[in-house]
Amino acid sequence: MSESGSSFGDLVELQVPASSAYLTVLRTTAARLAARLGFTLDEIEDLRIAVDEAGAMLLPLAVPGSNMHCSFQLHTDILDVVVSVPAAQTDLPSRDSFAWTVLSALAGEVASRAEDGRVSIMLRKKRG
């Protein structure tokens, strides 16, 4: 993605080892893309924490030695983030947990799904 030109509608995808050591890559990318869309510092920090929390929730479900996939879809005033891992058991994270409550408060819109041997958490953060 170039610094000049429009980033709206762009899709950025990352794949990192499913390890807590690599969550910082996802957090940093989320922060940079949110800043690019003009999010406030508080909105950027909330999104960074939400992406970290989503990744942390998925790590225990990940097949050992697998990769975590993260996609960022940029819109005019929205950043959609999908974090997913291949999982032997496709149990969704509990929506009744404290972590889910925190995630919802930070990201705005949150959903999860399990399909094709993968578990995903989707976040939608709106600017303003």
N, C-alpha and C. Protein backbone atom coordinates (compact mmCIF):
# COMPACT_ATOMS: atom_id res chain seq x y z
N MET A 1 0.84 -1.15 0.00
CA MET A 1 0.00 0.00 0.00
C MET A 1 0.90 1.23 0.00
N SER A 2 0.70 2.09 -0.91
CA SER A 2 1.53 3.29 -0.96
C SER A 2 0.97 4.35 -0.03
N GLU A 3 1.81 5.26 0.37
CA GLU A 3 1.38 6.34 1.25
C GLU A 3 0.52 7.35 0.50
N SER A 4 0.75 7.52 -0.78
CA SER A 4 -0.09 8.41 -1.55
C SER A 4 -1.24 7.60 -2.15
N GLY A 5 -2.30 8.26 -2.53
CA GLY A 5 -3.43 7.53 -3.09
C GLY A 5 -4.36 7.04 -2.01
N SER A 6 -5.51 6.59 -2.44
CA SER A 6 -6.56 6.18 -1.51
C SER A 6 -6.31 4.79 -0.96
N SER A 7 -6.57 4.63 0.34
CA SER A 7 -6.46 3.32 0.97
C SER A 7 -7.84 2.73 1.21
N PHE A 8 -8.90 3.49 0.91
CA PHE A 8 -10.25 3.05 1.22
C PHE A 8 -10.61 1.86 0.34
N GLY A 9 -11.07 0.80 0.98
CA GLY A 9 -11.41 -0.42 0.27
C GLY A 9 -10.24 -1.38 0.19
N ASP A 10 -9.05 -0.94 0.59
CA ASP A 10 -7.88 -1.82 0.54
C ASP A 10 -8.03 -2.97 1.53
N LEU A 11 -7.45 -4.10 1.17
CA LEU A 11 -7.41 -5.26 2.03
C LEU A 11 -5.96 -5.57 2.34
N VAL A 12 -5.64 -5.63 3.64
CA VAL A 12 -4.29 -5.97 4.09
C VAL A 12 -4.39 -7.29 4.83
N GLU A 13 -3.56 -8.26 4.45
CA GLU A 13 -3.59 -9.57 5.10
C GLU A 13 -2.23 -9.92 5.65
N LEU A 14 -2.23 -10.49 6.86
CA LEU A 14 -1.01 -10.93 7.52
C LEU A 14 -1.17 -12.38 7.95
N GLN A 15 -0.09 -13.09 7.94
CA GLN A 15 -0.06 -14.44 8.49
C GLN A 15 1.18 -14.55 9.35
N VAL A 16 0.98 -14.91 10.61
CA VAL A 16 2.08 -15.03 11.56
C VAL A 16 1.94 -16.34 12.30
N PRO A 17 3.03 -16.85 12.88
CA PRO A 17 2.89 -18.06 13.70
C PRO A 17 1.87 -17.83 14.82
N ALA A 18 1.09 -18.85 15.12
CA ALA A 18 0.08 -18.77 16.18
C ALA A 18 0.78 -18.85 17.53
N SER A 19 1.38 -17.74 17.92
CA SER A 19 2.15 -17.64 19.15
C SER A 19 1.96 -16.23 19.70
N SER A 20 1.91 -16.12 21.03
CA SER A 20 1.73 -14.80 21.64
C SER A 20 2.86 -13.85 21.29
N ALA A 21 4.02 -14.38 20.94
CA ALA A 21 5.16 -13.53 20.57
C ALA A 21 4.88 -12.69 19.33
N TYR A 22 3.92 -13.11 18.51
CA TYR A 22 3.64 -12.40 17.25
C TYR A 22 2.40 -11.52 17.31
N LEU A 23 1.72 -11.49 18.46
CA LEU A 23 0.54 -10.62 18.56
C LEU A 23 0.90 -9.15 18.41
N THR A 24 2.12 -8.79 18.78
CA THR A 24 2.56 -7.40 18.63
C THR A 24 2.54 -6.96 17.16
N VAL A 25 2.78 -7.87 16.24
CA VAL A 25 2.74 -7.54 14.82
C VAL A 25 1.31 -7.15 14.42
N LEU A 26 0.34 -7.90 14.93
CA LEU A 26 -1.07 -7.60 14.63
C LEU A 26 -1.49 -6.28 15.26
N ARG A 27 -1.09 -6.06 16.51
CA ARG A 27 -1.43 -4.81 17.21
C ARG A 27 -0.86 -3.60 16.48
N THR A 28 0.39 -3.69 16.10
CA THR A 28 1.06 -2.58 15.43
C THR A 28 0.42 -2.28 14.08
N THR A 29 0.10 -3.32 13.34
CA THR A 29 -0.54 -3.14 12.04
C THR A 29 -1.91 -2.50 12.21
N ALA A 30 -2.68 -2.97 13.17
CA ALA A 30 -4.00 -2.40 13.43
C ALA A 30 -3.89 -0.92 13.76
N ALA A 31 -2.95 -0.56 14.61
CA ALA A 31 -2.77 0.83 15.01
C ALA A 31 -2.39 1.70 13.81
N ARG A 32 -1.49 1.23 13.00
CA ARG A 32 -1.02 2.01 11.85
C ARG A 32 -2.15 2.23 10.83
N LEU A 33 -2.92 1.18 10.58
CA LEU A 33 -4.02 1.31 9.61
C LEU A 33 -5.13 2.21 10.14
N ALA A 34 -5.42 2.10 11.43
CA ALA A 34 -6.44 2.98 12.03
C ALA A 34 -5.99 4.44 11.98
N ALA A 35 -4.72 4.68 12.23
CA ALA A 35 -4.18 6.04 12.15
C ALA A 35 -4.31 6.57 10.73
N ARG A 36 -4.07 5.72 9.77
CA ARG A 36 -4.17 6.10 8.36
C ARG A 36 -5.59 6.54 8.00
N LEU A 37 -6.58 5.93 8.69
CA LEU A 37 -7.98 6.28 8.43
C LEU A 37 -8.46 7.47 9.26
N GLY A 38 -7.56 8.03 10.08
CA GLY A 38 -7.91 9.21 10.85
C GLY A 38 -8.60 8.94 12.17
N PHE A 39 -8.45 7.73 12.71
CA PHE A 39 -9.01 7.42 14.02
C PHE A 39 -8.31 8.27 15.08
N THR A 40 -9.02 8.55 16.16
CA THR A 40 -8.41 9.29 17.27
C THR A 40 -7.43 8.39 18.01
N LEU A 41 -6.60 8.99 18.85
CA LEU A 41 -5.65 8.19 19.63
C LEU A 41 -6.36 7.18 20.52
N ASP A 42 -7.47 7.59 21.14
CA ASP A 42 -8.24 6.66 21.98
C ASP A 42 -8.82 5.51 21.16
N GLU A 43 -9.34 5.81 19.97
CA GLU A 43 -9.90 4.76 19.11
C GLU A 43 -8.81 3.80 18.65
N ILE A 44 -7.64 4.34 18.35
CA ILE A 44 -6.51 3.49 17.93
C ILE A 44 -6.09 2.57 19.06
N GLU A 45 -6.00 3.11 20.27
CA GLU A 45 -5.60 2.29 21.41
C GLU A 45 -6.64 1.21 21.71
N ASP A 46 -7.91 1.56 21.63
CA ASP A 46 -8.97 0.57 21.83
C ASP A 46 -8.86 -0.56 20.81
N LEU A 47 -8.62 -0.19 19.56
CA LEU A 47 -8.51 -1.21 18.50
C LEU A 47 -7.28 -2.08 18.72
N ARG A 48 -6.17 -1.48 19.10
CA ARG A 48 -4.95 -2.27 19.38
C ARG A 48 -5.22 -3.31 20.45
N ILE A 49 -5.86 -2.90 21.52
CA ILE A 49 -6.16 -3.82 22.61
C ILE A 49 -7.15 -4.89 22.16
N ALA A 50 -8.16 -4.50 21.37
CA ALA A 50 -9.15 -5.47 20.88
C ALA A 50 -8.52 -6.53 19.99
N VAL A 51 -7.63 -6.12 19.10
CA VAL A 51 -6.95 -7.07 18.22
C VAL A 51 -6.09 -8.02 19.05
N ASP A 52 -5.39 -7.48 20.03
CA ASP A 52 -4.58 -8.31 20.92
C ASP A 52 -5.46 -9.32 21.67
N GLU A 53 -6.58 -8.86 22.19
CA GLU A 53 -7.50 -9.72 22.94
C GLU A 53 -8.08 -10.82 22.03
N ALA A 54 -8.47 -10.45 20.82
CA ALA A 54 -9.00 -11.45 19.88
C ALA A 54 -7.96 -12.52 19.59
N GLY A 55 -6.74 -12.10 19.33
CA GLY A 55 -5.66 -13.07 19.09
C GLY A 55 -5.42 -13.96 20.29
N ALA A 56 -5.40 -13.36 21.48
CA ALA A 56 -5.17 -14.12 22.70
C ALA A 56 -6.29 -15.13 22.95
N MET A 57 -7.52 -14.77 22.59
CA MET A 57 -8.64 -15.69 22.76
C MET A 57 -8.54 -16.89 21.82
N LEU A 58 -7.94 -16.67 20.64
CA LEU A 58 -7.85 -17.74 19.65
C LEU A 58 -6.64 -18.64 19.83
N LEU A 59 -5.58 -18.14 20.44
CA LEU A 59 -4.35 -18.93 20.58
C LEU A 59 -4.57 -20.30 21.23
N PRO A 60 -5.34 -20.40 22.31
CA PRO A 60 -5.53 -21.73 22.92
C PRO A 60 -6.26 -22.72 22.01
N LEU A 61 -6.98 -22.22 21.01
CA LEU A 61 -7.72 -23.08 20.09
C LEU A 61 -6.89 -23.52 18.89
N ALA A 62 -5.77 -22.84 18.65
CA ALA A 62 -4.97 -23.06 17.44
C ALA A 62 -4.30 -24.43 17.44
N VAL A 63 -4.27 -25.04 16.27
CA VAL A 63 -3.54 -26.28 16.08
C VAL A 63 -2.06 -25.97 16.31
N PRO A 64 -1.36 -26.77 17.14
CA PRO A 64 0.06 -26.50 17.40
C PRO A 64 0.87 -26.40 16.09
N GLY A 65 1.72 -25.38 16.05
CA GLY A 65 2.57 -25.17 14.87
C GLY A 65 1.88 -24.49 13.71
N SER A 66 0.64 -24.07 13.89
CA SER A 66 -0.10 -23.44 12.79
C SER A 66 0.14 -21.94 12.76
N ASN A 67 -0.47 -21.29 11.80
CA ASN A 67 -0.36 -19.85 11.63
C ASN A 67 -1.68 -19.17 11.95
N MET A 68 -1.58 -17.95 12.47
CA MET A 68 -2.74 -17.09 12.69
C MET A 68 -2.84 -16.17 11.48
N HIS A 69 -4.05 -16.03 10.97
CA HIS A 69 -4.29 -15.16 9.82
C HIS A 69 -5.07 -13.95 10.30
N CYS A 70 -4.70 -12.77 9.80
CA CYS A 70 -5.40 -11.55 10.17
C CYS A 70 -5.60 -10.71 8.91
N SER A 71 -6.84 -10.31 8.68
CA SER A 71 -7.11 -9.43 7.54
C SER A 71 -7.71 -8.12 8.05
N PHE A 72 -7.34 -7.05 7.38
CA PHE A 72 -7.80 -5.71 7.70
C PHE A 72 -8.43 -5.13 6.44
N GLN A 73 -9.72 -4.85 6.49
CA GLN A 73 -10.41 -4.25 5.36
C GLN A 73 -10.67 -2.79 5.70
N LEU A 74 -10.10 -1.89 4.91
CA LEU A 74 -10.21 -0.46 5.16
C LEU A 74 -11.38 0.13 4.40
N HIS A 75 -12.17 0.94 5.10
CA HIS A 75 -13.28 1.68 4.50
C HIS A 75 -13.08 3.14 4.87
N THR A 76 -13.95 4.00 4.43
CA THR A 76 -13.80 5.43 4.69
C THR A 76 -13.67 5.74 6.18
N ASP A 77 -14.56 5.19 7.01
CA ASP A 77 -14.51 5.47 8.44
C ASP A 77 -14.67 4.21 9.29
N ILE A 78 -14.37 3.07 8.69
CA ILE A 78 -14.49 1.78 9.37
C ILE A 78 -13.27 0.93 9.06
N LEU A 79 -12.82 0.20 10.07
CA LEU A 79 -11.78 -0.80 9.88
C LEU A 79 -12.34 -2.15 10.33
N ASP A 80 -12.48 -3.08 9.39
CA ASP A 80 -12.93 -4.43 9.70
C ASP A 80 -11.70 -5.31 9.86
N VAL A 81 -11.67 -6.08 10.94
CA VAL A 81 -10.54 -6.96 11.24
C VAL A 81 -11.08 -8.37 11.46
N VAL A 82 -10.45 -9.35 10.81
CA VAL A 82 -10.80 -10.75 11.04
C VAL A 82 -9.53 -11.48 11.43
N VAL A 83 -9.55 -12.08 12.62
CA VAL A 83 -8.43 -12.86 13.13
C VAL A 83 -8.89 -14.31 13.16
N SER A 84 -8.09 -15.24 12.61
CA SER A 84 -8.52 -16.63 12.59
C SER A 84 -7.33 -17.58 12.73
N VAL A 85 -7.66 -18.77 13.22
CA VAL A 85 -6.67 -19.85 13.37
C VAL A 85 -7.30 -21.17 12.96
N PRO A 86 -6.47 -22.09 12.44
CA PRO A 86 -6.99 -23.45 12.25
C PRO A 86 -7.14 -24.09 13.63
N ALA A 87 -8.24 -24.78 13.83
CA ALA A 87 -8.52 -25.35 15.15
C ALA A 87 -8.99 -26.79 15.00
N ALA A 88 -8.46 -27.67 15.86
CA ALA A 88 -8.88 -29.06 15.85
C ALA A 88 -10.33 -29.16 16.32
N GLN A 89 -10.68 -28.37 17.33
CA GLN A 89 -12.06 -28.29 17.81
C GLN A 89 -12.56 -26.89 17.52
N THR A 90 -13.67 -26.80 16.85
CA THR A 90 -14.15 -25.49 16.44
C THR A 90 -15.17 -24.94 17.44
N ASP A 91 -14.78 -24.94 18.72
CA ASP A 91 -15.60 -24.32 19.75
C ASP A 91 -15.39 -22.81 19.69
N LEU A 92 -16.48 -22.09 19.63
CA LEU A 92 -16.38 -20.63 19.58
C LEU A 92 -16.08 -20.07 20.96
N PRO A 93 -15.35 -18.96 21.00
CA PRO A 93 -15.13 -18.30 22.28
C PRO A 93 -16.47 -17.94 22.92
N SER A 94 -16.55 -18.05 24.22
CA SER A 94 -17.79 -17.78 24.94
C SER A 94 -18.14 -16.30 24.92
N ARG A 95 -19.36 -16.00 24.52
CA ARG A 95 -19.84 -14.61 24.50
C ARG A 95 -20.20 -14.13 25.90
N ASP A 96 -20.21 -15.04 26.87
CA ASP A 96 -20.52 -14.68 28.25
C ASP A 96 -19.28 -14.39 29.08
N SER A 97 -18.12 -14.50 28.46
CA SER A 97 -16.87 -14.32 29.21
C SER A 97 -16.54 -12.83 29.39
N PHE A 98 -15.70 -12.57 30.37
CA PHE A 98 -15.23 -11.20 30.61
C PHE A 98 -14.44 -10.71 29.39
N ALA A 99 -13.64 -11.59 28.80
CA ALA A 99 -12.83 -11.22 27.62
C ALA A 99 -13.73 -10.76 26.47
N TRP A 100 -14.86 -11.45 26.26
CA TRP A 100 -15.77 -11.07 25.18
C TRP A 100 -16.41 -9.71 25.47
N THR A 101 -16.74 -9.46 26.72
CA THR A 101 -17.32 -8.18 27.12
C THR A 101 -16.34 -7.05 26.86
N VAL A 102 -15.08 -7.27 27.23
CA VAL A 102 -14.04 -6.27 26.98
C VAL A 102 -13.87 -6.05 25.49
N LEU A 103 -13.83 -7.13 24.74
CA LEU A 103 -13.67 -7.05 23.29
C LEU A 103 -14.79 -6.23 22.66
N SER A 104 -16.01 -6.48 23.07
CA SER A 104 -17.16 -5.76 22.53
C SER A 104 -17.10 -4.27 22.88
N ALA A 105 -16.68 -3.96 24.10
CA ALA A 105 -16.58 -2.56 24.51
C ALA A 105 -15.51 -1.82 23.72
N LEU A 106 -14.43 -2.49 23.40
CA LEU A 106 -13.32 -1.85 22.71
C LEU A 106 -13.52 -1.73 21.21
N ALA A 107 -14.07 -2.77 20.60
CA ALA A 107 -14.15 -2.82 19.14
C ALA A 107 -15.45 -2.27 18.57
N GLY A 108 -16.50 -2.27 19.36
CA GLY A 108 -17.79 -1.85 18.82
C GLY A 108 -18.61 -3.05 18.42
N GLU A 109 -18.38 -3.57 17.22
CA GLU A 109 -19.09 -4.75 16.75
C GLU A 109 -18.14 -5.94 16.75
N VAL A 110 -18.60 -7.06 17.32
CA VAL A 110 -17.78 -8.26 17.42
C VAL A 110 -18.64 -9.48 17.08
N ALA A 111 -18.07 -10.41 16.34
CA ALA A 111 -18.75 -11.66 16.02
C ALA A 111 -17.70 -12.76 15.94
N SER A 112 -18.17 -13.99 15.96
CA SER A 112 -17.26 -15.12 15.80
C SER A 112 -17.92 -16.16 14.91
N ARG A 113 -17.09 -17.00 14.32
CA ARG A 113 -17.63 -18.09 13.50
C ARG A 113 -16.61 -19.22 13.44
N ALA A 114 -17.14 -20.39 13.18
CA ALA A 114 -16.30 -21.57 12.97
C ALA A 114 -16.74 -22.22 11.67
N GLU A 115 -15.80 -22.36 10.74
CA GLU A 115 -16.12 -23.04 9.48
C GLU A 115 -14.84 -23.52 8.83
N ASP A 116 -14.95 -24.63 8.15
CA ASP A 116 -13.82 -25.22 7.42
C ASP A 116 -12.60 -25.42 8.30
N GLY A 117 -12.81 -25.83 9.56
CA GLY A 117 -11.70 -26.11 10.46
C GLY A 117 -10.99 -24.88 11.00
N ARG A 118 -11.60 -23.71 10.86
CA ARG A 118 -11.02 -22.46 11.36
C ARG A 118 -11.99 -21.78 12.31
N VAL A 119 -11.45 -21.14 13.31
CA VAL A 119 -12.25 -20.31 14.21
C VAL A 119 -11.80 -18.86 13.99
N SER A 120 -12.77 -17.98 13.84
CA SER A 120 -12.48 -16.57 13.53
C SER A 120 -13.23 -15.65 14.48
N ILE A 121 -12.61 -14.52 14.75
CA ILE A 121 -13.25 -13.42 15.47
C ILE A 121 -13.20 -12.21 14.54
N MET A 122 -14.36 -11.61 14.34
CA MET A 122 -14.47 -10.45 13.47
C MET A 122 -14.73 -9.21 14.33
N LEU A 123 -13.99 -8.15 14.04
CA LEU A 123 -14.13 -6.88 14.74
C LEU A 123 -14.46 -5.80 13.73
N ARG A 124 -15.32 -4.88 14.11
CA ARG A 124 -15.60 -3.71 13.27
C ARG A 124 -15.49 -2.49 14.15
N LYS A 125 -14.49 -1.68 13.85
CA LYS A 125 -14.26 -0.44 14.61
C LYS A 125 -14.59 0.74 13.71
N LYS A 126 -15.51 1.60 14.20
CA LYS A 126 -15.92 2.78 13.44
C LYS A 126 -15.21 4.00 14.00
N ARG A 127 -14.87 4.92 13.13
CA ARG A 127 -14.25 6.17 13.55
C ARG A 127 -15.33 7.14 14.03
N GLY A 128 -15.00 7.85 15.10
CA GLY A 128 -15.90 8.90 15.57
C GLY A 128 -17.05 8.48 16.37
